[in-house]
């Protein structure tokens, strides 16, 4: 039994030696694991910082894009408003010309014809004053029409 006990003791001693060598290797591995942990932590902090910078850059880009879009929309709206005003002014001028041509020209022609007929007749002083008063009223009406229908700037 002595040999079995010696063999067992040899195996135990050998196992203890192996465990000791394993413990030594593990102890040598601890600084490497610590260093790896610190490296991983620094990488994590670096990545977090870069992600925060990227987030800020993306937010700035979004804000700039929004501002540019608003500027373009406002510029386009101003262009549309300006074109609309120009179109309205042209329509008003055209309407005023047409109204002047259809309403004022015939009335003016009638008045001129009547004035020429009256100029042919011998008239009294009283009639001259009446004609002057009528001419004044016609001029006032003409001015009122022009003020009412012509666009003001």
N, C-alpha and C. Protein backbone atom coordinates (compact mmCIF):
# COMPACT_ATOMS: atom_id res chain seq x y z
N UNK A 1 0.80 -1.17 0.00
CA UNK A 1 0.00 0.00 0.00
C UNK A 1 0.86 1.25 0.00
N UNK A 2 1.97 1.01 0.34
CA UNK A 2 2.89 2.10 0.37
C UNK A 2 3.09 2.68 -1.02
N UNK A 3 3.13 1.83 -1.98
CA UNK A 3 3.32 2.34 -3.33
C UNK A 3 2.06 3.05 -3.83
N UNK A 4 0.88 2.62 -3.42
CA UNK A 4 -0.34 3.29 -3.83
C UNK A 4 -0.42 4.65 -3.17
N UNK A 5 -0.05 4.70 -1.95
CA UNK A 5 -0.10 5.96 -1.25
C UNK A 5 0.96 6.90 -1.80
N UNK A 6 2.10 6.35 -2.18
CA UNK A 6 3.16 7.17 -2.76
C UNK A 6 2.70 7.65 -4.15
N UNK A 7 2.04 6.79 -4.90
CA UNK A 7 1.56 7.19 -6.22
C UNK A 7 0.48 8.26 -6.08
N UNK A 8 -0.36 8.06 -5.07
CA UNK A 8 -1.42 9.05 -4.86
C UNK A 8 -0.80 10.37 -4.44
N UNK A 9 0.17 10.31 -3.58
CA UNK A 9 0.83 11.53 -3.12
C UNK A 9 1.56 12.20 -4.29
N UNK A 10 2.12 11.38 -5.18
CA UNK A 10 2.81 11.92 -6.34
C UNK A 10 1.82 12.61 -7.28
N UNK A 11 0.66 11.94 -7.42
CA UNK A 11 -0.38 12.54 -8.28
C UNK A 11 -0.89 13.85 -7.65
N UNK A 12 -1.09 13.83 -6.35
CA UNK A 12 -1.57 15.04 -5.66
C UNK A 12 -0.52 16.13 -5.77
N UNK A 13 0.73 15.75 -5.58
CA UNK A 13 1.81 16.73 -5.68
C UNK A 13 1.88 17.29 -7.09
N UNK A 14 1.74 16.40 -8.06
CA UNK A 14 1.78 16.85 -9.45
C UNK A 14 0.59 17.75 -9.74
N UNK A 15 -0.62 17.40 -9.24
CA UNK A 15 -1.82 18.21 -9.45
C UNK A 15 -1.65 19.56 -8.77
N UNK A 16 -1.05 19.53 -7.54
CA UNK A 16 -0.83 20.79 -6.85
C UNK A 16 0.17 21.66 -7.62
N UNK A 17 1.15 21.03 -8.22
CA UNK A 17 2.12 21.77 -9.03
C UNK A 17 1.43 22.39 -10.25
N UNK A 18 0.56 21.58 -10.86
CA UNK A 18 -0.17 22.09 -12.01
C UNK A 18 -1.08 23.24 -11.60
N UNK A 19 -1.78 23.10 -10.47
CA UNK A 19 -2.67 24.15 -9.97
C UNK A 19 -1.84 25.39 -9.65
N UNK A 20 -0.66 25.19 -9.04
CA UNK A 20 0.23 26.31 -8.73
C UNK A 20 0.67 27.02 -10.00
N UNK A 21 1.02 26.23 -11.02
CA UNK A 21 1.44 26.83 -12.30
C UNK A 21 0.26 27.58 -12.93
N UNK A 22 -0.95 26.99 -12.81
CA UNK A 22 -2.15 27.64 -13.34
C UNK A 22 -2.42 28.94 -12.59
N UNK A 23 -2.26 28.91 -11.29
CA UNK A 23 -2.46 30.13 -10.48
C UNK A 23 -1.43 31.18 -10.88
N UNK A 24 -0.19 30.76 -11.08
CA UNK A 24 0.85 31.71 -11.50
C UNK A 24 0.49 32.34 -12.86
N UNK A 25 0.01 31.50 -13.76
CA UNK A 25 -0.37 32.01 -15.09
C UNK A 25 -1.56 32.95 -14.97
N UNK A 26 -2.52 32.60 -14.07
CA UNK A 26 -3.68 33.48 -13.88
C UNK A 26 -3.25 34.81 -13.25
N UNK A 27 -2.34 34.74 -12.30
CA UNK A 27 -1.85 35.98 -11.69
C UNK A 27 -1.12 36.83 -12.72
N UNK A 28 -0.42 36.21 -13.64
CA UNK A 28 0.25 36.96 -14.69
C UNK A 28 -0.76 37.52 -15.68
N UNK A 29 -1.91 36.89 -15.78
CA UNK A 29 -2.96 37.32 -16.69
C UNK A 29 -3.75 38.51 -16.14
N UNK A 30 -3.81 38.68 -14.82
CA UNK A 30 -4.60 39.74 -14.18
C UNK A 30 -4.17 41.13 -14.66
N UNK A 31 -2.86 41.47 -14.70
CA UNK A 31 -2.51 42.80 -15.21
C UNK A 31 -2.93 42.99 -16.67
N UNK A 32 -2.83 41.95 -17.46
CA UNK A 32 -3.24 42.07 -18.87
C UNK A 32 -4.75 42.29 -18.96
N UNK A 33 -5.52 41.60 -18.11
CA UNK A 33 -6.97 41.78 -18.10
C UNK A 33 -7.30 43.18 -17.60
N UNK A 34 -6.60 43.65 -16.55
CA UNK A 34 -6.81 45.01 -16.06
C UNK A 34 -6.51 46.04 -17.15
N UNK A 35 -5.40 45.83 -17.84
CA UNK A 35 -5.02 46.74 -18.92
C UNK A 35 -6.05 46.71 -20.04
N UNK A 36 -6.52 45.50 -20.37
CA UNK A 36 -7.57 45.38 -21.38
C UNK A 36 -8.84 46.11 -20.93
N UNK A 37 -9.20 45.97 -19.65
CA UNK A 37 -10.39 46.65 -19.11
C UNK A 37 -10.24 48.16 -19.20
N UNK A 38 -9.04 48.67 -18.85
CA UNK A 38 -8.81 50.11 -18.93
C UNK A 38 -8.84 50.58 -20.38
N UNK A 39 -8.25 49.79 -21.26
CA UNK A 39 -8.27 50.13 -22.69
C UNK A 39 -9.71 50.13 -23.21
N UNK A 40 -10.48 49.14 -22.81
CA UNK A 40 -11.88 49.07 -23.22
C UNK A 40 -12.66 50.26 -22.68
N UNK A 41 -12.38 50.66 -21.42
CA UNK A 41 -13.07 51.80 -20.82
C UNK A 41 -12.72 53.10 -21.56
N UNK A 42 -11.43 53.27 -21.88
CA UNK A 42 -11.01 54.47 -22.63
C UNK A 42 -11.66 54.47 -24.02
N UNK A 43 -11.72 53.31 -24.64
CA UNK A 43 -12.38 53.22 -25.95
C UNK A 43 -13.86 53.57 -25.83
N UNK A 44 -14.49 53.11 -24.75
CA UNK A 44 -15.90 53.43 -24.52
C UNK A 44 -16.08 54.94 -24.33
N UNK A 45 -15.24 55.56 -23.51
CA UNK A 45 -15.34 57.00 -23.28
C UNK A 45 -15.08 57.78 -24.58
N UNK A 46 -14.07 57.33 -25.35
CA UNK A 46 -13.75 57.97 -26.62
C UNK A 46 -14.93 57.85 -27.59
N UNK A 47 -15.51 56.66 -27.65
CA UNK A 47 -16.66 56.43 -28.52
C UNK A 47 -17.85 57.28 -28.08
N UNK A 48 -18.08 57.36 -26.78
CA UNK A 48 -19.18 58.19 -26.26
C UNK A 48 -18.96 59.65 -26.63
N UNK A 49 -17.73 60.12 -26.49
CA UNK A 49 -17.41 61.51 -26.84
C UNK A 49 -17.63 61.75 -28.33
N UNK A 50 -17.19 60.83 -29.16
CA UNK A 50 -17.35 60.97 -30.60
C UNK A 50 -18.83 60.94 -30.99
N UNK A 51 -19.59 60.07 -30.33
CA UNK A 51 -21.03 59.99 -30.60
C UNK A 51 -21.70 61.31 -30.22
N UNK A 52 -21.31 61.88 -29.07
CA UNK A 52 -21.88 63.18 -28.66
C UNK A 52 -21.53 64.28 -29.65
N UNK A 53 -20.28 64.30 -30.13
CA UNK A 53 -19.88 65.29 -31.13
C UNK A 53 -20.68 65.10 -32.42
N UNK A 54 -20.83 63.84 -32.84
CA UNK A 54 -21.60 63.56 -34.05
C UNK A 54 -23.05 63.99 -33.87
N UNK A 55 -23.61 63.73 -32.70
CA UNK A 55 -24.99 64.14 -32.41
C UNK A 55 -25.12 65.66 -32.51
N UNK A 56 -24.14 66.38 -31.95
CA UNK A 56 -24.16 67.85 -32.04
C UNK A 56 -24.04 68.32 -33.49
N UNK A 57 -23.16 67.68 -34.25
CA UNK A 57 -23.00 68.05 -35.65
C UNK A 57 -24.28 67.78 -36.44
N UNK A 58 -24.90 66.64 -36.17
CA UNK A 58 -26.16 66.30 -36.86
C UNK A 58 -27.24 67.32 -36.49
N UNK A 59 -27.32 67.68 -35.21
CA UNK A 59 -28.32 68.65 -34.76
C UNK A 59 -28.07 70.01 -35.42
N UNK A 60 -26.79 70.42 -35.50
CA UNK A 60 -26.46 71.69 -36.16
C UNK A 60 -26.83 71.63 -37.64
N UNK A 61 -26.55 70.51 -38.29
CA UNK A 61 -26.90 70.36 -39.70
C UNK A 61 -28.41 70.42 -39.90
N UNK A 62 -29.15 69.81 -38.99
CA UNK A 62 -30.62 69.85 -39.07
C UNK A 62 -31.11 71.28 -38.90
N UNK A 63 -30.55 72.00 -37.92
CA UNK A 63 -30.96 73.39 -37.70
C UNK A 63 -30.64 74.26 -38.91
N UNK A 64 -29.47 74.07 -39.50
CA UNK A 64 -29.10 74.84 -40.69
C UNK A 64 -30.02 74.50 -41.86
N UNK A 65 -30.35 73.22 -42.00
CA UNK A 65 -31.25 72.82 -43.09
C UNK A 65 -32.63 73.43 -42.89
N UNK A 66 -33.12 73.44 -41.65
CA UNK A 66 -34.42 74.06 -41.38
C UNK A 66 -34.38 75.54 -41.71
N UNK A 67 -33.32 76.22 -41.28
CA UNK A 67 -33.20 77.65 -41.54
C UNK A 67 -33.14 77.93 -43.04
N UNK A 68 -32.37 77.14 -43.77
CA UNK A 68 -32.25 77.32 -45.22
C UNK A 68 -33.60 77.06 -45.89
N UNK A 69 -34.30 76.02 -45.44
CA UNK A 69 -35.62 75.71 -46.02
C UNK A 69 -36.59 76.87 -45.78
N UNK A 70 -36.57 77.43 -44.56
CA UNK A 70 -37.45 78.55 -44.27
C UNK A 70 -37.08 79.77 -45.11
N UNK A 71 -35.78 80.04 -45.27
CA UNK A 71 -35.36 81.16 -46.10
C UNK A 71 -35.85 80.97 -47.53
N UNK A 72 -35.71 79.76 -48.06
CA UNK A 72 -36.15 79.51 -49.43
C UNK A 72 -37.66 79.64 -49.57
N UNK A 73 -38.39 79.13 -48.58
CA UNK A 73 -39.86 79.24 -48.62
C UNK A 73 -40.27 80.70 -48.58
N UNK A 74 -39.65 81.49 -47.70
CA UNK A 74 -39.98 82.92 -47.62
C UNK A 74 -39.64 83.64 -48.92
N UNK A 75 -38.48 83.32 -49.49
CA UNK A 75 -38.09 83.96 -50.74
C UNK A 75 -39.09 83.61 -51.84
N UNK A 76 -39.50 82.34 -51.88
CA UNK A 76 -40.46 81.91 -52.90
C UNK A 76 -41.81 82.60 -52.68
N UNK A 77 -42.24 82.69 -51.41
CA UNK A 77 -43.51 83.36 -51.11
C UNK A 77 -43.45 84.84 -51.49
N UNK A 78 -42.30 85.49 -51.25
CA UNK A 78 -42.15 86.89 -51.64
C UNK A 78 -42.21 87.03 -53.16
N UNK A 79 -41.59 86.11 -53.88
CA UNK A 79 -41.63 86.14 -55.34
C UNK A 79 -43.06 85.99 -55.84
N UNK A 80 -43.78 85.05 -55.24
CA UNK A 80 -45.17 84.83 -55.65
C UNK A 80 -46.01 86.07 -55.35
N UNK A 81 -45.81 86.67 -54.16
CA UNK A 81 -46.58 87.87 -53.79
C UNK A 81 -46.25 89.02 -54.75
N UNK A 82 -44.96 89.19 -55.08
CA UNK A 82 -44.57 90.26 -56.01
C UNK A 82 -45.19 90.04 -57.38
N UNK A 83 -45.14 88.79 -57.87
CA UNK A 83 -45.74 88.49 -59.17
C UNK A 83 -47.24 88.72 -59.15
N UNK A 84 -47.86 88.35 -58.03
CA UNK A 84 -49.31 88.56 -57.91
C UNK A 84 -49.64 90.05 -57.93
N UNK A 85 -48.83 90.85 -57.23
CA UNK A 85 -49.07 92.29 -57.24
C UNK A 85 -48.87 92.88 -58.64
N UNK A 86 -47.84 92.41 -59.33
CA UNK A 86 -47.61 92.89 -60.68
C UNK A 86 -48.76 92.50 -61.60
N UNK A 87 -49.24 91.27 -61.46
CA UNK A 87 -50.37 90.81 -62.28
C UNK A 87 -51.61 91.63 -61.98
N UNK A 88 -51.86 91.90 -60.70
CA UNK A 88 -53.02 92.70 -60.33
C UNK A 88 -52.91 94.13 -60.87
N UNK A 89 -51.70 94.69 -60.78
CA UNK A 89 -51.50 96.05 -61.29
C UNK A 89 -51.74 96.10 -62.80
N UNK A 90 -51.23 95.10 -63.50
CA UNK A 90 -51.44 95.05 -64.96
C UNK A 90 -52.94 94.90 -65.28
N UNK A 91 -53.62 94.04 -64.51
CA UNK A 91 -55.06 93.86 -64.74
C UNK A 91 -55.81 95.16 -64.48
N UNK A 92 -55.41 95.87 -63.41
CA UNK A 92 -56.08 97.13 -63.10
C UNK A 92 -55.81 98.17 -64.18
N UNK A 93 -54.57 98.22 -64.70
CA UNK A 93 -54.25 99.16 -65.77
C UNK A 93 -55.06 98.83 -67.03
N UNK A 94 -55.13 97.55 -67.35
CA UNK A 94 -55.88 97.13 -68.53
C UNK A 94 -57.36 97.48 -68.38
N UNK A 95 -57.88 97.22 -67.19
CA UNK A 95 -59.29 97.54 -66.93
C UNK A 95 -59.53 99.04 -67.01
N UNK A 96 -58.60 99.81 -66.45
CA UNK A 96 -58.75 101.27 -66.50
C UNK A 96 -58.70 101.77 -67.94
N UNK A 97 -57.76 101.23 -68.72
CA UNK A 97 -57.68 101.64 -70.14
C UNK A 97 -58.97 101.29 -70.88
N UNK A 98 -59.46 100.08 -70.65
CA UNK A 98 -60.69 99.64 -71.33
C UNK A 98 -61.87 100.49 -70.89
N UNK A 99 -61.94 100.76 -69.58
CA UNK A 99 -63.02 101.60 -69.08
C UNK A 99 -62.91 103.01 -69.65
N UNK A 100 -61.71 103.52 -69.69
CA UNK A 100 -61.48 104.86 -70.26
C UNK A 100 -61.90 104.88 -71.72
N UNK A 101 -61.51 103.83 -72.45
CA UNK A 101 -61.83 103.77 -73.88
C UNK A 101 -63.33 103.62 -74.11
N UNK A 102 -63.97 102.76 -73.34
CA UNK A 102 -65.40 102.50 -73.58
C UNK A 102 -66.31 103.53 -72.95
N UNK A 103 -65.93 104.08 -71.82
CA UNK A 103 -66.83 105.02 -71.11
C UNK A 103 -66.44 106.48 -71.35
N UNK A 104 -65.17 106.77 -71.21
CA UNK A 104 -64.77 108.17 -71.26
C UNK A 104 -64.66 108.73 -72.67
N UNK A 105 -64.07 107.95 -73.57
CA UNK A 105 -63.90 108.44 -74.94
C UNK A 105 -65.22 108.79 -75.61
N UNK A 106 -66.25 107.92 -75.54
CA UNK A 106 -67.53 108.31 -76.18
C UNK A 106 -68.15 109.54 -75.52
N UNK A 107 -68.05 109.61 -74.18
CA UNK A 107 -68.64 110.77 -73.50
C UNK A 107 -67.88 112.04 -73.88
N UNK A 108 -66.57 111.93 -73.98
CA UNK A 108 -65.76 113.09 -74.37
C UNK A 108 -66.09 113.50 -75.80
N UNK A 109 -66.23 112.52 -76.66
CA UNK A 109 -66.57 112.82 -78.06
C UNK A 109 -67.92 113.52 -78.13
N UNK A 110 -68.90 113.06 -77.35
CA UNK A 110 -70.23 113.70 -77.32
C UNK A 110 -70.13 115.14 -76.83
N UNK A 111 -69.37 115.32 -75.75
CA UNK A 111 -69.23 116.67 -75.19
C UNK A 111 -68.54 117.58 -76.19
N UNK A 112 -67.50 117.07 -76.84
CA UNK A 112 -66.80 117.89 -77.84
C UNK A 112 -67.72 118.25 -79.00
N UNK A 113 -68.50 117.28 -79.45
CA UNK A 113 -69.44 117.54 -80.53
C UNK A 113 -70.45 118.60 -80.11
N UNK A 114 -70.97 118.45 -78.92
CA UNK A 114 -71.96 119.43 -78.42
C UNK A 114 -71.32 120.80 -78.26
N UNK A 115 -70.05 120.81 -77.79
CA UNK A 115 -69.38 122.10 -77.62
C UNK A 115 -69.12 122.76 -78.97
N UNK A 116 -68.78 121.94 -79.97
CA UNK A 116 -68.57 122.50 -81.31
C UNK A 116 -69.88 123.06 -81.87
N UNK A 117 -70.98 122.33 -81.64
CA UNK A 117 -72.28 122.82 -82.09
C UNK A 117 -72.64 124.12 -81.39
N UNK A 118 -72.33 124.15 -80.10
CA UNK A 118 -72.63 125.36 -79.34
C UNK A 118 -71.74 126.52 -79.78
N UNK A 119 -70.52 126.20 -80.15
CA UNK A 119 -69.61 127.25 -80.59
C UNK A 119 -70.09 127.87 -81.90
N UNK A 120 -70.82 127.13 -82.69
CA UNK A 120 -71.34 127.62 -83.95
C UNK A 120 -72.50 128.60 -83.74
N UNK A 121 -73.22 128.43 -82.67
CA UNK A 121 -74.39 129.27 -82.40
C UNK A 121 -73.97 130.58 -81.72
N UNK A 122 -74.71 131.59 -81.98
CA UNK A 122 -74.48 132.81 -81.22
C UNK A 122 -75.06 132.62 -79.82
N UNK A 123 -74.28 132.98 -78.79
CA UNK A 123 -74.75 132.75 -77.42
C UNK A 123 -74.67 134.03 -76.61
N UNK A 124 -75.47 134.04 -75.57
CA UNK A 124 -75.48 135.21 -74.69
C UNK A 124 -74.45 135.02 -73.58
N UNK A 125 -74.22 136.08 -72.86
CA UNK A 125 -73.24 136.04 -71.76
C UNK A 125 -73.69 135.06 -70.68
N UNK A 126 -74.98 135.06 -70.44
CA UNK A 126 -75.51 134.13 -69.45
C UNK A 126 -75.23 132.69 -69.83
N UNK A 127 -75.35 132.38 -71.09
CA UNK A 127 -75.11 131.02 -71.56
C UNK A 127 -73.62 130.66 -71.46
N UNK A 128 -72.74 131.64 -71.62
CA UNK A 128 -71.31 131.39 -71.49
C UNK A 128 -71.01 130.92 -70.07
N UNK A 129 -71.62 131.56 -69.10
CA UNK A 129 -71.41 131.15 -67.70
C UNK A 129 -71.98 129.76 -67.45
N UNK A 130 -73.09 129.46 -68.04
CA UNK A 130 -73.68 128.12 -67.87
C UNK A 130 -72.76 127.08 -68.50
N UNK A 131 -72.22 127.39 -69.68
CA UNK A 131 -71.31 126.44 -70.34
C UNK A 131 -70.02 126.26 -69.54
N UNK A 132 -69.52 127.33 -68.97
CA UNK A 132 -68.31 127.23 -68.13
C UNK A 132 -68.59 126.36 -66.92
N UNK A 133 -69.76 126.54 -66.33
CA UNK A 133 -70.14 125.73 -65.17
C UNK A 133 -70.26 124.26 -65.56
N UNK A 134 -70.83 124.01 -66.72
CA UNK A 134 -70.95 122.62 -67.20
C UNK A 134 -69.57 122.02 -67.47
N UNK A 135 -68.67 122.80 -68.06
CA UNK A 135 -67.31 122.31 -68.34
C UNK A 135 -66.59 122.00 -67.02
N UNK A 136 -66.79 122.88 -66.04
CA UNK A 136 -66.18 122.63 -64.73
C UNK A 136 -66.70 121.33 -64.11
N UNK A 137 -68.01 121.12 -64.17
CA UNK A 137 -68.61 119.89 -63.63
C UNK A 137 -68.10 118.66 -64.38
N UNK A 138 -68.00 118.77 -65.69
CA UNK A 138 -67.50 117.63 -66.48
C UNK A 138 -66.05 117.34 -66.09
N UNK A 139 -65.24 118.37 -65.92
CA UNK A 139 -63.85 118.17 -65.50
C UNK A 139 -63.76 117.54 -64.12
N UNK A 140 -64.63 117.97 -63.21
CA UNK A 140 -64.63 117.39 -61.87
C UNK A 140 -65.03 115.92 -61.92
N UNK A 141 -66.02 115.60 -62.74
CA UNK A 141 -66.42 114.19 -62.89
C UNK A 141 -65.29 113.37 -63.49
N UNK A 142 -64.63 113.92 -64.49
CA UNK A 142 -63.50 113.23 -65.10
C UNK A 142 -62.41 112.97 -64.07
N UNK A 143 -62.08 113.97 -63.27
CA UNK A 143 -61.06 113.80 -62.25
C UNK A 143 -61.48 112.74 -61.24
N UNK A 144 -62.73 112.72 -60.84
CA UNK A 144 -63.22 111.72 -59.90
C UNK A 144 -63.09 110.31 -60.50
N UNK A 145 -63.43 110.18 -61.79
CA UNK A 145 -63.27 108.88 -62.45
C UNK A 145 -61.81 108.44 -62.47
N UNK A 146 -60.93 109.35 -62.82
CA UNK A 146 -59.51 109.01 -62.88
C UNK A 146 -58.98 108.62 -61.51
N UNK A 147 -59.33 109.36 -60.49
CA UNK A 147 -58.86 109.05 -59.13
C UNK A 147 -59.41 107.70 -58.67
N UNK A 148 -60.65 107.44 -59.03
CA UNK A 148 -61.28 106.19 -58.57
C UNK A 148 -60.73 104.96 -59.30
N UNK A 149 -60.50 105.03 -60.59
CA UNK A 149 -60.16 103.84 -61.36
C UNK A 149 -58.68 103.63 -61.63
N UNK A 150 -57.86 104.65 -61.53
CA UNK A 150 -56.43 104.46 -61.77
C UNK A 150 -55.74 104.03 -60.49
N UNK A 151 -54.81 103.05 -60.59
CA UNK A 151 -54.15 102.58 -59.35
C UNK A 151 -53.21 103.66 -58.81
N UNK A 152 -53.15 103.71 -57.50
CA UNK A 152 -52.22 104.67 -56.87
C UNK A 152 -50.97 103.94 -56.47
N UNK A 153 -49.85 104.60 -56.47
CA UNK A 153 -48.56 103.96 -56.10
C UNK A 153 -48.00 104.61 -54.88
